[in-house]
Amino acid sequence: MKVLWRQGVAAGVTGGIIIGLYLALTTVIPAHGSFVAAGQWVASAAIGKVALTSPAFAWLGLGIHFIVSIGWAGGYAYLAQRQQFLNARWLVSGIVYGVVVYCFMQLLLIGAQAEVFPPPAFAAIDALIAHALFFGVPVAFIVARMSRKT
């Protein structure tokens, strides 16, 4: 159990940083957007539109981003512990897991009325790439490497 926690936290924080950087480079910066507004949007998905009223909610959004990332990474670590082939083929496993994460996150965002369906084509493709390559793959890589040491 201790190993799962370490894997989940290490992989989740790393995956959260990498996907955050990717999305900043592909969505926030090109649109001349605000990182504060992006953090507020994340918080608004969890607590509602009130998060859009104050920049202070950006910190809550950042915290939620990492809690969610750690949760998804912990789920992957649990699966990888039960199904050893995931660690043996971490690249493919990470891509597939990232797609699964993307699909479930879209459902959650639609349910929270924080996402409009269907999203614009580029936004959907960019988010899918972000989740598959810049979240799922780093998470799978870290879990696979940490599993070798245990």
Protein backbone atom coordinates (compact mmCIF):
# COMPACT_ATOMS: atom_id res chain seq x y z
CA MET A 1 0.00 0.00 0.00
CA LYS A 2 2.88 2.34 0.83
CA VAL A 3 4.33 1.70 -2.62
CA LEU A 4 1.05 2.67 -4.30
CA TRP A 5 1.00 5.98 -2.43
CA ARG A 6 4.56 6.79 -3.44
CA GLN A 7 3.92 5.83 -7.05
CA GLY A 8 0.65 7.76 -7.17
CA VAL A 9 2.12 10.93 -5.71
CA ALA A 10 5.33 10.85 -7.76
CA ALA A 11 3.57 10.00 -11.02
CA GLY A 12 0.64 12.35 -10.35
CA VAL A 13 2.75 15.38 -9.53
CA THR A 14 5.02 14.73 -12.52
CA GLY A 15 2.10 14.10 -14.87
CA GLY A 16 0.29 17.16 -13.51
CA ILE A 17 3.31 19.38 -14.17
CA ILE A 18 3.92 18.00 -17.65
CA ILE A 19 0.30 18.24 -18.82
CA GLY A 20 0.05 21.70 -17.27
CA LEU A 21 3.11 22.89 -19.17
CA TYR A 22 1.84 21.39 -22.41
CA LEU A 23 -1.59 23.00 -22.06
CA ALA A 24 -0.01 26.32 -21.11
CA LEU A 25 2.11 26.21 -24.28
CA THR A 26 -0.75 25.15 -26.56
CA THR A 27 -3.76 26.96 -25.12
CA VAL A 28 -3.05 29.71 -22.59
CA ILE A 29 0.03 31.39 -24.11
CA PRO A 30 -1.09 31.34 -27.78
CA ALA A 31 -4.43 32.88 -26.78
CA HIS A 32 -2.64 35.49 -24.63
CA GLY A 33 -4.66 34.10 -21.76
CA SER A 34 -4.12 34.31 -18.05
CA PHE A 35 -2.79 31.53 -15.87
CA VAL A 36 -4.91 32.94 -13.06
CA ALA A 37 -8.04 32.61 -15.23
CA ALA A 38 -7.06 29.04 -16.11
CA GLY A 39 -6.75 28.20 -12.40
CA GLN A 40 -10.10 29.84 -11.72
CA TRP A 41 -11.70 27.74 -14.47
CA VAL A 42 -10.39 24.53 -12.86
CA ALA A 43 -11.78 25.63 -9.50
CA SER A 44 -15.12 26.55 -11.10
CA ALA A 45 -15.51 22.98 -12.36
CA ALA A 46 -15.35 21.80 -8.75
CA ILE A 47 -17.17 24.50 -6.79
CA GLY A 48 -19.17 26.40 -9.38
CA LYS A 49 -19.17 29.77 -11.09
CA VAL A 50 -18.30 31.59 -7.88
CA ALA A 51 -14.66 30.63 -8.52
CA LEU A 52 -14.65 32.94 -11.53
CA THR A 53 -15.30 35.97 -9.30
CA SER A 54 -11.94 36.20 -7.54
CA PRO A 55 -8.33 35.51 -8.58
CA ALA A 56 -7.80 33.90 -5.16
CA PHE A 57 -9.62 30.82 -6.49
CA ALA A 58 -6.72 30.18 -8.89
CA TRP A 59 -4.79 28.62 -6.01
CA LEU A 60 -7.71 26.32 -5.29
CA GLY A 61 -7.73 25.38 -8.98
CA LEU A 62 -4.03 24.55 -8.85
CA GLY A 63 -4.57 22.37 -5.80
CA ILE A 64 -7.51 20.60 -7.42
CA HIS A 65 -5.42 20.00 -10.56
CA PHE A 66 -2.75 18.19 -8.55
CA ILE A 67 -5.20 16.27 -6.36
CA VAL A 68 -6.98 15.00 -9.46
CA SER A 69 -3.65 14.17 -11.15
CA ILE A 70 -2.49 12.21 -8.09
CA GLY A 71 -5.83 10.39 -7.95
CA TRP A 72 -5.64 9.30 -11.59
CA ALA A 73 -1.99 8.29 -11.20
CA GLY A 74 -2.83 6.32 -8.07
CA GLY A 75 -5.53 4.52 -10.02
CA TYR A 76 -3.02 3.65 -12.72
CA ALA A 77 -0.50 2.45 -10.11
CA TYR A 78 -3.19 0.20 -8.61
CA LEU A 79 -4.03 -1.24 -12.03
CA ALA A 80 -0.36 -1.75 -12.88
CA GLN A 81 0.17 -3.61 -9.62
CA ARG A 82 -2.69 -5.98 -10.51
CA GLN A 83 -1.89 -6.31 -14.23
CA GLN A 84 1.87 -6.61 -14.68
CA PHE A 85 1.71 -6.31 -18.46
CA LEU A 86 0.96 -2.61 -18.00
CA ASN A 87 4.46 -2.03 -16.67
CA ALA A 88 6.03 -4.22 -19.35
CA ARG A 89 4.40 -2.12 -22.09
CA TRP A 90 4.25 1.21 -20.33
CA LEU A 91 4.24 3.38 -23.48
CA VAL A 92 1.12 1.81 -25.00
CA SER A 93 -0.47 1.44 -21.56
CA GLY A 94 0.14 5.12 -20.81
CA ILE A 95 -1.36 6.28 -24.09
CA VAL A 96 -4.47 4.15 -23.59
CA TYR A 97 -4.80 5.23 -19.96
CA GLY A 98 -4.48 8.87 -20.99
CA VAL A 99 -7.34 8.43 -23.47
CA VAL A 100 -9.44 6.82 -20.73
CA VAL A 101 -8.65 9.71 -18.38
CA TYR A 102 -9.58 12.22 -21.10
CA CYS A 103 -12.95 10.52 -21.74
CA PHE A 104 -13.88 10.36 -18.06
CA MET A 105 -12.74 13.93 -17.43
CA GLN A 106 -14.92 15.14 -20.31
CA LEU A 107 -17.91 13.34 -18.81
CA LEU A 108 -17.22 14.90 -15.42
CA LEU A 109 -16.81 18.37 -16.93
CA ILE A 110 -20.04 18.03 -18.90
CA GLY A 111 -21.81 16.89 -15.73
CA ALA A 112 -20.41 19.90 -13.86
CA GLN A 113 -21.58 22.15 -16.71
CA ALA A 114 -17.99 23.35 -17.11
CA GLU A 115 -17.57 22.08 -20.65
CA VAL A 116 -19.60 22.58 -23.79
CA PHE A 117 -20.16 19.48 -25.90
CA PRO A 118 -18.98 18.96 -28.53
CA PRO A 119 -15.78 20.95 -28.06
CA PRO A 120 -14.14 22.69 -31.02
CA ALA A 121 -12.15 20.18 -33.09
CA PHE A 122 -8.70 21.60 -32.34
CA ALA A 123 -9.45 21.88 -28.63
CA ALA A 124 -10.60 18.26 -28.46
CA ILE A 125 -7.57 16.96 -30.37
CA ASP A 126 -5.21 19.09 -28.28
CA ALA A 127 -6.77 17.87 -25.03
CA LEU A 128 -6.66 14.26 -26.20
CA ILE A 129 -2.96 14.59 -27.08
CA ALA A 130 -2.33 16.29 -23.75
CA HIS A 131 -3.94 13.50 -21.76
CA ALA A 132 -2.50 10.60 -23.77
CA LEU A 133 1.07 11.76 -24.34
CA PHE A 134 1.68 14.35 -21.65
CA PHE A 135 -0.19 12.75 -18.76
CA GLY A 136 -0.72 9.03 -19.42
CA VAL A 137 2.78 8.31 -20.74
CA PRO A 138 4.70 10.07 -17.92
CA VAL A 139 2.46 8.41 -15.33
CA ALA A 140 2.99 4.96 -16.86
CA PHE A 141 6.74 5.53 -17.18
CA ILE A 142 7.16 6.56 -13.54
CA VAL A 143 4.99 3.74 -12.21
CA ALA A 144 6.89 1.20 -14.34
CA ARG A 145 10.27 2.49 -13.15
CA MET A 146 9.23 2.64 -9.51
CA SER A 147 7.81 -0.89 -9.76
CA ARG A 148 11.22 -2.21 -10.76
CA LYS A 149 12.70 -0.98 -7.49
CA THR A 150 10.07 -2.58 -5.26
